[in-house]
PDB file of N, CA and C in Angstrom:
ATOM      1  N   MET A   1      16.501 -22.586  -1.192  1.00  0.00           N
ATOM      2  CA  MET A   1      16.681 -21.357  -0.465  1.00  0.00           C
ATOM      3  C   MET A   1      16.472 -21.617   1.023  1.00  0.00           C
ATOM      4  N   GLU A   2      17.382 -21.165   1.792  1.00  0.00           N
ATOM      5  CA  GLU A   2      17.356 -21.393   3.237  1.00  0.00           C
ATOM      6  C   GLU A   2      16.424 -20.388   3.909  1.00  0.00           C
ATOM      7  N   HIS A   3      15.608 -20.879   4.825  1.00  0.00           N
ATOM      8  CA  HIS A   3      14.712 -19.993   5.581  1.00  0.00           C
ATOM      9  C   HIS A   3      15.453 -19.494   6.815  1.00  0.00           C
ATOM     10  N   ARG A   4      15.582 -18.191   6.898  1.00  0.00           N
ATOM     11  CA  ARG A   4      16.233 -17.600   8.064  1.00  0.00           C
ATOM     12  C   ARG A   4      15.181 -16.972   8.961  1.00  0.00           C
ATOM     13  N   PRO A   5      15.288 -17.188  10.248  1.00  0.00           N
ATOM     14  CA  PRO A   5      14.322 -16.554  11.145  1.00  0.00           C
ATOM     15  C   PRO A   5      14.452 -15.039  11.074  1.00  0.00           C
ATOM     16  N   ARG A   6      13.351 -14.376  11.222  1.00  0.00           N
ATOM     17  CA  ARG A   6      13.363 -12.917  11.188  1.00  0.00           C
ATOM     18  C   ARG A   6      13.894 -12.354  12.486  1.00  0.00           C
ATOM     19  N   HIS A   7      14.509 -11.229  12.342  1.00  0.00           N
ATOM     20  CA  HIS A   7      14.946 -10.472  13.501  1.00  0.00           C
ATOM     21  C   HIS A   7      13.679  -9.964  14.197  1.00  0.00           C
ATOM     22  N   PRO A   8      13.633  -9.933  15.536  1.00  0.00           N
ATOM     23  CA  PRO A   8      12.419  -9.478  16.235  1.00  0.00           C
ATOM     24  C   PRO A   8      11.928  -8.104  15.770  1.00  0.00           C
ATOM     25  N   GLU A   9      12.854  -7.211  15.456  1.00  0.00           N
ATOM     26  CA  GLU A   9      12.453  -5.878  14.995  1.00  0.00           C
ATOM     27  C   GLU A   9      11.748  -5.966  13.640  1.00  0.00           C
ATOM     28  N   GLN A  10      12.220  -6.867  12.759  1.00  0.00           N
ATOM     29  CA  GLN A  10      11.575  -7.059  11.464  1.00  0.00           C
ATOM     30  C   GLN A  10      10.169  -7.603  11.642  1.00  0.00           C
ATOM     31  N   THR A  11      10.011  -8.551  12.534  1.00  0.00           N
ATOM     32  CA  THR A  11       8.703  -9.138  12.795  1.00  0.00           C
ATOM     33  C   THR A  11       7.742  -8.076  13.307  1.00  0.00           C
ATOM     34  N   THR A  12       8.205  -7.243  14.227  1.00  0.00           N
ATOM     35  CA  THR A  12       7.362  -6.182  14.770  1.00  0.00           C
ATOM     36  C   THR A  12       6.990  -5.189  13.689  1.00  0.00           C
ATOM     37  N   ARG A  13       7.959  -4.802  12.857  1.00  0.00           N
ATOM     38  CA  ARG A  13       7.705  -3.843  11.786  1.00  0.00           C
ATOM     39  C   ARG A  13       6.708  -4.420  10.784  1.00  0.00           C
ATOM     40  N   CYS A  14       6.853  -5.689  10.447  1.00  0.00           N
ATOM     41  CA  CYS A  14       5.953  -6.343   9.512  1.00  0.00           C
ATOM     42  C   CYS A  14       4.530  -6.365  10.087  1.00  0.00           C
ATOM     43  N   TRP A  15       4.398  -6.711  11.355  1.00  0.00           N
ATOM     44  CA  TRP A  15       3.099  -6.763  12.010  1.00  0.00           C
ATOM     45  C   TRP A  15       2.474  -5.375  12.061  1.00  0.00           C
ATOM     46  N   LEU A  16       3.272  -4.367  12.406  1.00  0.00           N
ATOM     47  CA  LEU A  16       2.752  -3.002  12.460  1.00  0.00           C
ATOM     48  C   LEU A  16       2.364  -2.516  11.073  1.00  0.00           C
ATOM     49  N   GLY A  17       3.146  -2.866  10.062  1.00  0.00           N
ATOM     50  CA  GLY A  17       2.812  -2.478   8.694  1.00  0.00           C
ATOM     51  C   GLY A  17       1.474  -3.045   8.262  1.00  0.00           C
ATOM     52  N   ALA A  18       1.226  -4.307   8.583  1.00  0.00           N
ATOM     53  CA  ALA A  18      -0.054  -4.928   8.245  1.00  0.00           C
ATOM     54  C   ALA A  18      -1.191  -4.260   9.002  1.00  0.00           C
ATOM     55  N   ARG A  19      -0.957  -3.927  10.246  1.00  0.00           N
ATOM     56  CA  ARG A  19      -1.998  -3.253  11.038  1.00  0.00           C
ATOM     57  C   ARG A  19      -2.310  -1.871  10.477  1.00  0.00           C
ATOM     58  N   ILE A  20      -1.287  -1.159  10.035  1.00  0.00           N
ATOM     59  CA  ILE A  20      -1.495   0.183   9.467  1.00  0.00           C
ATOM     60  C   ILE A  20      -2.317   0.083   8.192  1.00  0.00           C
ATOM     61  N   VAL A  21      -2.014  -0.881   7.340  1.00  0.00           N
ATOM     62  CA  VAL A  21      -2.770  -1.053   6.096  1.00  0.00           C
ATOM     63  C   VAL A  21      -4.225  -1.384   6.416  1.00  0.00           C
ATOM     64  N   ASP A  22      -4.448  -2.263   7.380  1.00  0.00           N
ATOM     65  CA  ASP A  22      -5.819  -2.602   7.768  1.00  0.00           C
ATOM     66  C   ASP A  22      -6.556  -1.380   8.307  1.00  0.00           C
ATOM     67  N   ARG A  23      -5.872  -0.568   9.069  1.00  0.00           N
ATOM     68  CA  ARG A  23      -6.482   0.649   9.608  1.00  0.00           C
ATOM     69  C   ARG A  23      -6.811   1.643   8.498  1.00  0.00           C
ATOM     70  N   LEU A  24      -5.881   1.794   7.542  1.00  0.00           N
ATOM     71  CA  LEU A  24      -6.142   2.668   6.389  1.00  0.00           C
ATOM     72  C   LEU A  24      -7.343   2.180   5.587  1.00  0.00           C
ATOM     73  N   ALA A  25      -7.440   0.864   5.406  1.00  0.00           N
ATOM     74  CA  ALA A  25      -8.555   0.295   4.655  1.00  0.00           C
ATOM     75  C   ALA A  25      -9.888   0.592   5.338  1.00  0.00           C
ATOM     76  N   ALA A  26      -9.876   0.723   6.636  1.00  0.00           N
ATOM     77  CA  ALA A  26     -11.103   1.077   7.362  1.00  0.00           C
ATOM     78  C   ALA A  26     -11.355   2.579   7.330  1.00  0.00           C
ATOM     79  N   ASP A  27     -10.310   3.392   7.429  1.00  0.00           N
ATOM     80  CA  ASP A  27     -10.453   4.849   7.537  1.00  0.00           C
ATOM     81  C   ASP A  27     -10.673   5.542   6.193  1.00  0.00           C
ATOM     82  N   LEU A  28      -9.975   5.129   5.147  1.00  0.00           N
ATOM     83  CA  LEU A  28     -10.046   5.833   3.866  1.00  0.00           C
ATOM     84  C   LEU A  28     -11.453   5.870   3.265  1.00  0.00           C
ATOM     85  N   PRO A  29     -12.191   4.767   3.234  1.00  0.00           N
ATOM     86  CA  PRO A  29     -13.544   4.841   2.669  1.00  0.00           C
ATOM     87  C   PRO A  29     -14.472   5.776   3.455  1.00  0.00           C
ATOM     88  N   ARG A  30     -14.236   5.900   4.716  1.00  0.00           N
ATOM     89  CA  ARG A  30     -15.038   6.811   5.531  1.00  0.00           C
ATOM     90  C   ARG A  30     -14.718   8.267   5.163  1.00  0.00           C
ATOM     91  N   ASP A  31     -13.442   8.546   4.923  1.00  0.00           N
ATOM     92  CA  ASP A  31     -13.026   9.904   4.582  1.00  0.00           C
ATOM     93  C   ASP A  31     -13.229  10.240   3.102  1.00  0.00           C
ATOM     94  N   PHE A  32     -13.203   9.221   2.245  1.00  0.00           N
ATOM     95  CA  PHE A  32     -13.360   9.415   0.805  1.00  0.00           C
ATOM     96  C   PHE A  32     -14.404   8.433   0.270  1.00  0.00           C
ATOM     97  N   PRO A  33     -15.688   8.643   0.609  1.00  0.00           N
ATOM     98  CA  PRO A  33     -16.722   7.657   0.259  1.00  0.00           C
ATOM     99  C   PRO A  33     -16.921   7.470  -1.240  1.00  0.00           C
ATOM    100  N   GLU A  34     -16.530   8.442  -2.049  1.00  0.00           N
ATOM    101  CA  GLU A  34     -16.712   8.326  -3.498  1.00  0.00           C
ATOM    102  C   GLU A  34     -15.641   7.454  -4.150  1.00  0.00           C
ATOM    103  N   MET A  35     -14.562   7.164  -3.442  1.00  0.00           N
ATOM    104  CA  MET A  35     -13.471   6.352  -4.006  1.00  0.00           C
ATOM    105  C   MET A  35     -13.730   4.863  -3.775  1.00  0.00           C
ATOM    106  N   THR A  36     -13.299   4.065  -4.747  1.00  0.00           N
ATOM    107  CA  THR A  36     -13.390   2.609  -4.604  1.00  0.00           C
ATOM    108  C   THR A  36     -11.979   2.025  -4.676  1.00  0.00           C
ATOM    109  N   GLY A  37     -11.852   0.756  -4.384  1.00  0.00           N
ATOM    110  CA  GLY A  37     -10.555   0.090  -4.481  1.00  0.00           C
ATOM    111  C   GLY A  37      -9.643   0.348  -3.301  1.00  0.00           C
ATOM    112  N   LEU A  38     -10.226   0.613  -2.137  1.00  0.00           N
ATOM    113  CA  LEU A  38      -9.415   0.924  -0.958  1.00  0.00           C
ATOM    114  C   LEU A  38      -9.451  -0.206   0.075  1.00  0.00           C
ATOM    115  N   SER A  39      -9.642  -1.427  -0.397  1.00  0.00           N
ATOM    116  CA  SER A  39      -9.645  -2.560   0.525  1.00  0.00           C
ATOM    117  C   SER A  39      -8.226  -2.827   1.022  1.00  0.00           C
ATOM    118  N   SER A  40      -8.129  -3.572   2.071  1.00  0.00           N
ATOM    119  CA  SER A  40      -6.829  -3.931   2.627  1.00  0.00           C
ATOM    120  C   SER A  40      -5.978  -4.645   1.576  1.00  0.00           C
ATOM    121  N   ARG A  41      -6.585  -5.557   0.846  1.00  0.00           N
ATOM    122  CA  ARG A  41      -5.858  -6.295  -0.190  1.00  0.00           C
ATOM    123  C   ARG A  41      -5.354  -5.352  -1.274  1.00  0.00           C
ATOM    124  N   SER A  42      -6.210  -4.428  -1.727  1.00  0.00           N
ATOM    125  CA  SER A  42      -5.800  -3.474  -2.769  1.00  0.00           C
ATOM    126  C   SER A  42      -4.666  -2.584  -2.289  1.00  0.00           C
ATOM    127  N   LEU A  43      -4.750  -2.121  -1.056  1.00  0.00           N
ATOM    128  CA  LEU A  43      -3.688  -1.273  -0.512  1.00  0.00           C
ATOM    129  C   LEU A  43      -2.372  -2.034  -0.423  1.00  0.00           C
ATOM    130  N   LYS A  44      -2.430  -3.315  -0.086  1.00  0.00           N
ATOM    131  CA  LYS A  44      -1.213  -4.127  -0.032  1.00  0.00           C
ATOM    132  C   LYS A  44      -0.618  -4.313  -1.426  1.00  0.00           C
ATOM    133  N   TYR A  45      -1.483  -4.479  -2.442  1.00  0.00           N
ATOM    134  CA  TYR A  45      -0.999  -4.558  -3.823  1.00  0.00           C
ATOM    135  C   TYR A  45      -0.347  -3.237  -4.229  1.00  0.00           C
ATOM    136  N   MET A  46      -0.959  -2.117  -3.846  1.00  0.00           N
ATOM    137  CA  MET A  46      -0.405  -0.802  -4.175  1.00  0.00           C
ATOM    138  C   MET A  46       0.971  -0.621  -3.543  1.00  0.00           C
ATOM    139  N   ARG A  47       1.091  -1.045  -2.289  1.00  0.00           N
ATOM    140  CA  ARG A  47       2.378  -0.924  -1.609  1.00  0.00           C
ATOM    141  C   ARG A  47       3.434  -1.789  -2.290  1.00  0.00           C
ATOM    142  N   ALA A  48       3.064  -3.015  -2.654  1.00  0.00           N
ATOM    143  CA  ALA A  48       4.004  -3.915  -3.330  1.00  0.00           C
ATOM    144  C   ALA A  48       4.433  -3.331  -4.675  1.00  0.00           C
ATOM    145  N   PHE A  49       3.486  -2.728  -5.408  1.00  0.00           N
ATOM    146  CA  PHE A  49       3.814  -2.107  -6.685  1.00  0.00           C
ATOM    147  C   PHE A  49       4.796  -0.959  -6.487  1.00  0.00           C
ATOM    148  N   ALA A  50       4.527  -0.112  -5.503  1.00  0.00           N
ATOM    149  CA  ALA A  50       5.407   1.032  -5.229  1.00  0.00           C
ATOM    150  C   ALA A  50       6.804   0.575  -4.809  1.00  0.00           C
ATOM    151  N   GLU A  51       6.882  -0.524  -4.057  1.00  0.00           N
ATOM    152  CA  GLU A  51       8.185  -1.044  -3.647  1.00  0.00           C
ATOM    153  C   GLU A  51       8.926  -1.656  -4.832  1.00  0.00           C
ATOM    154  N   ALA A  52       8.187  -2.238  -5.776  1.00  0.00           N
ATOM    155  CA  ALA A  52       8.812  -2.870  -6.941  1.00  0.00           C
ATOM    156  C   ALA A  52       9.349  -1.833  -7.930  1.00  0.00           C
ATOM    157  N   PHE A  53       8.730  -0.659  -7.967  1.00  0.00           N
ATOM    158  CA  PHE A  53       9.122   0.388  -8.911  1.00  0.00           C
ATOM    159  C   PHE A  53       9.346   1.709  -8.182  1.00  0.00           C
ATOM    160  N   PRO A  54      10.319   1.770  -7.279  1.00  0.00           N
ATOM    161  CA  PRO A  54      10.495   2.976  -6.457  1.00  0.00           C
ATOM    162  C   PRO A  54      10.999   4.189  -7.225  1.00  0.00           C
ATOM    163  N   GLU A  55      11.675   3.976  -8.342  1.00  0.00           N
ATOM    164  CA  GLU A  55      12.264   5.100  -9.062  1.00  0.00           C
ATOM    165  C   GLU A  55      11.296   5.729 -10.054  1.00  0.00           C
ATOM    166  N   ARG A  56      10.151   5.135 -10.257  1.00  0.00           N
ATOM    167  CA  ARG A  56       9.196   5.632 -11.244  1.00  0.00           C
ATOM    168  C   ARG A  56       8.182   6.567 -10.597  1.00  0.00           C
ATOM    169  N   ASP A  57       7.951   7.700 -11.233  1.00  0.00           N
ATOM    170  CA  ASP A  57       6.885   8.588 -10.796  1.00  0.00           C
ATOM    171  C   ASP A  57       5.577   8.053 -11.359  1.00  0.00           C
ATOM    172  N   ILE A  58       4.579   7.985 -10.524  1.00  0.00           N
ATOM    173  CA  ILE A  58       3.276   7.513 -10.968  1.00  0.00           C
ATOM    174  C   ILE A  58       2.389   8.749 -11.094  1.00  0.00           C
ATOM    175  N   VAL A  59       2.036   9.079 -12.324  1.00  0.00           N
ATOM    176  CA  VAL A  59       1.233  10.276 -12.595  1.00  0.00           C
ATOM    177  C   VAL A  59       0.092   9.917 -13.540  1.00  0.00           C
ATOM    178  N   GLN A  60      -0.840  10.836 -13.649  1.00  0.00           N
ATOM    179  CA  GLN A  60      -1.932  10.654 -14.584  1.00  0.00           C
ATOM    180  C   GLN A  60      -1.396  10.678 -16.013  1.00  0.00           C
ATOM    181  N   GLN A  61      -2.110  10.035 -16.915  1.00  0.00           N
ATOM    182  CA  GLN A  61      -1.752  10.111 -18.315  1.00  0.00           C
ATOM    183  C   GLN A  61      -1.917  11.544 -18.787  1.00  0.00           C
ATOM    184  N   VAL A  62      -1.158  11.930 -19.782  1.00  0.00           N
ATOM    185  CA  VAL A  62      -1.162  13.311 -20.273  1.00  0.00           C
ATOM    186  C   VAL A  62      -2.568  13.759 -20.653  1.00  0.00           C
ATOM    187  N   ILE A  63      -3.334  12.904 -21.283  1.00  0.00           N
ATOM    188  CA  ILE A  63      -4.678  13.294 -21.714  1.00  0.00           C
ATOM    189  C   ILE A  63      -5.567  13.635 -20.517  1.00  0.00           C
ATOM    190  N   ALA A  64      -5.372  12.958 -19.403  1.00  0.00           N
ATOM    191  CA  ALA A  64      -6.171  13.237 -18.210  1.00  0.00           C
ATOM    192  C   ALA A  64      -5.743  14.529 -17.537  1.00  0.00           C
ATOM    193  N   GLN A  65      -4.518  14.970 -17.779  1.00  0.00           N
ATOM    194  CA  GLN A  65      -4.012  16.186 -17.155  1.00  0.00           C
ATOM    195  C   GLN A  65      -4.436  17.451 -17.904  1.00  0.00           C
ATOM    196  N   SER A  66      -4.810  17.305 -19.168  1.00  0.00           N
ATOM    197  CA  SER A  66      -5.155  18.500 -19.955  1.00  0.00           C
ATOM    198  C   SER A  66      -6.549  18.996 -19.578  1.00  0.00           C
ATOM    199  N   PRO A  67      -6.763  20.319 -19.671  1.00  0.00           N
ATOM    200  CA  PRO A  67      -8.067  20.888 -19.269  1.00  0.00           C
ATOM    201  C   PRO A  67      -9.185  20.577 -20.217  1.00  0.00           C
TER     202      PRO A  67
END
């Protein structure tokens, strides 16, 4: 597979995306202290999962939704 240099706009977008995830990883635990799993690495995994399955709705299991 041939390595193609990135377009400058892609490089900037990639860098900004990483910065946003890092910022979220710092801000979310402060705003939601009871939640866990909000590290930068976890957020990047979540984003990759969402990109891999864009057509799927991610919802709670039916048993968790019932009163």
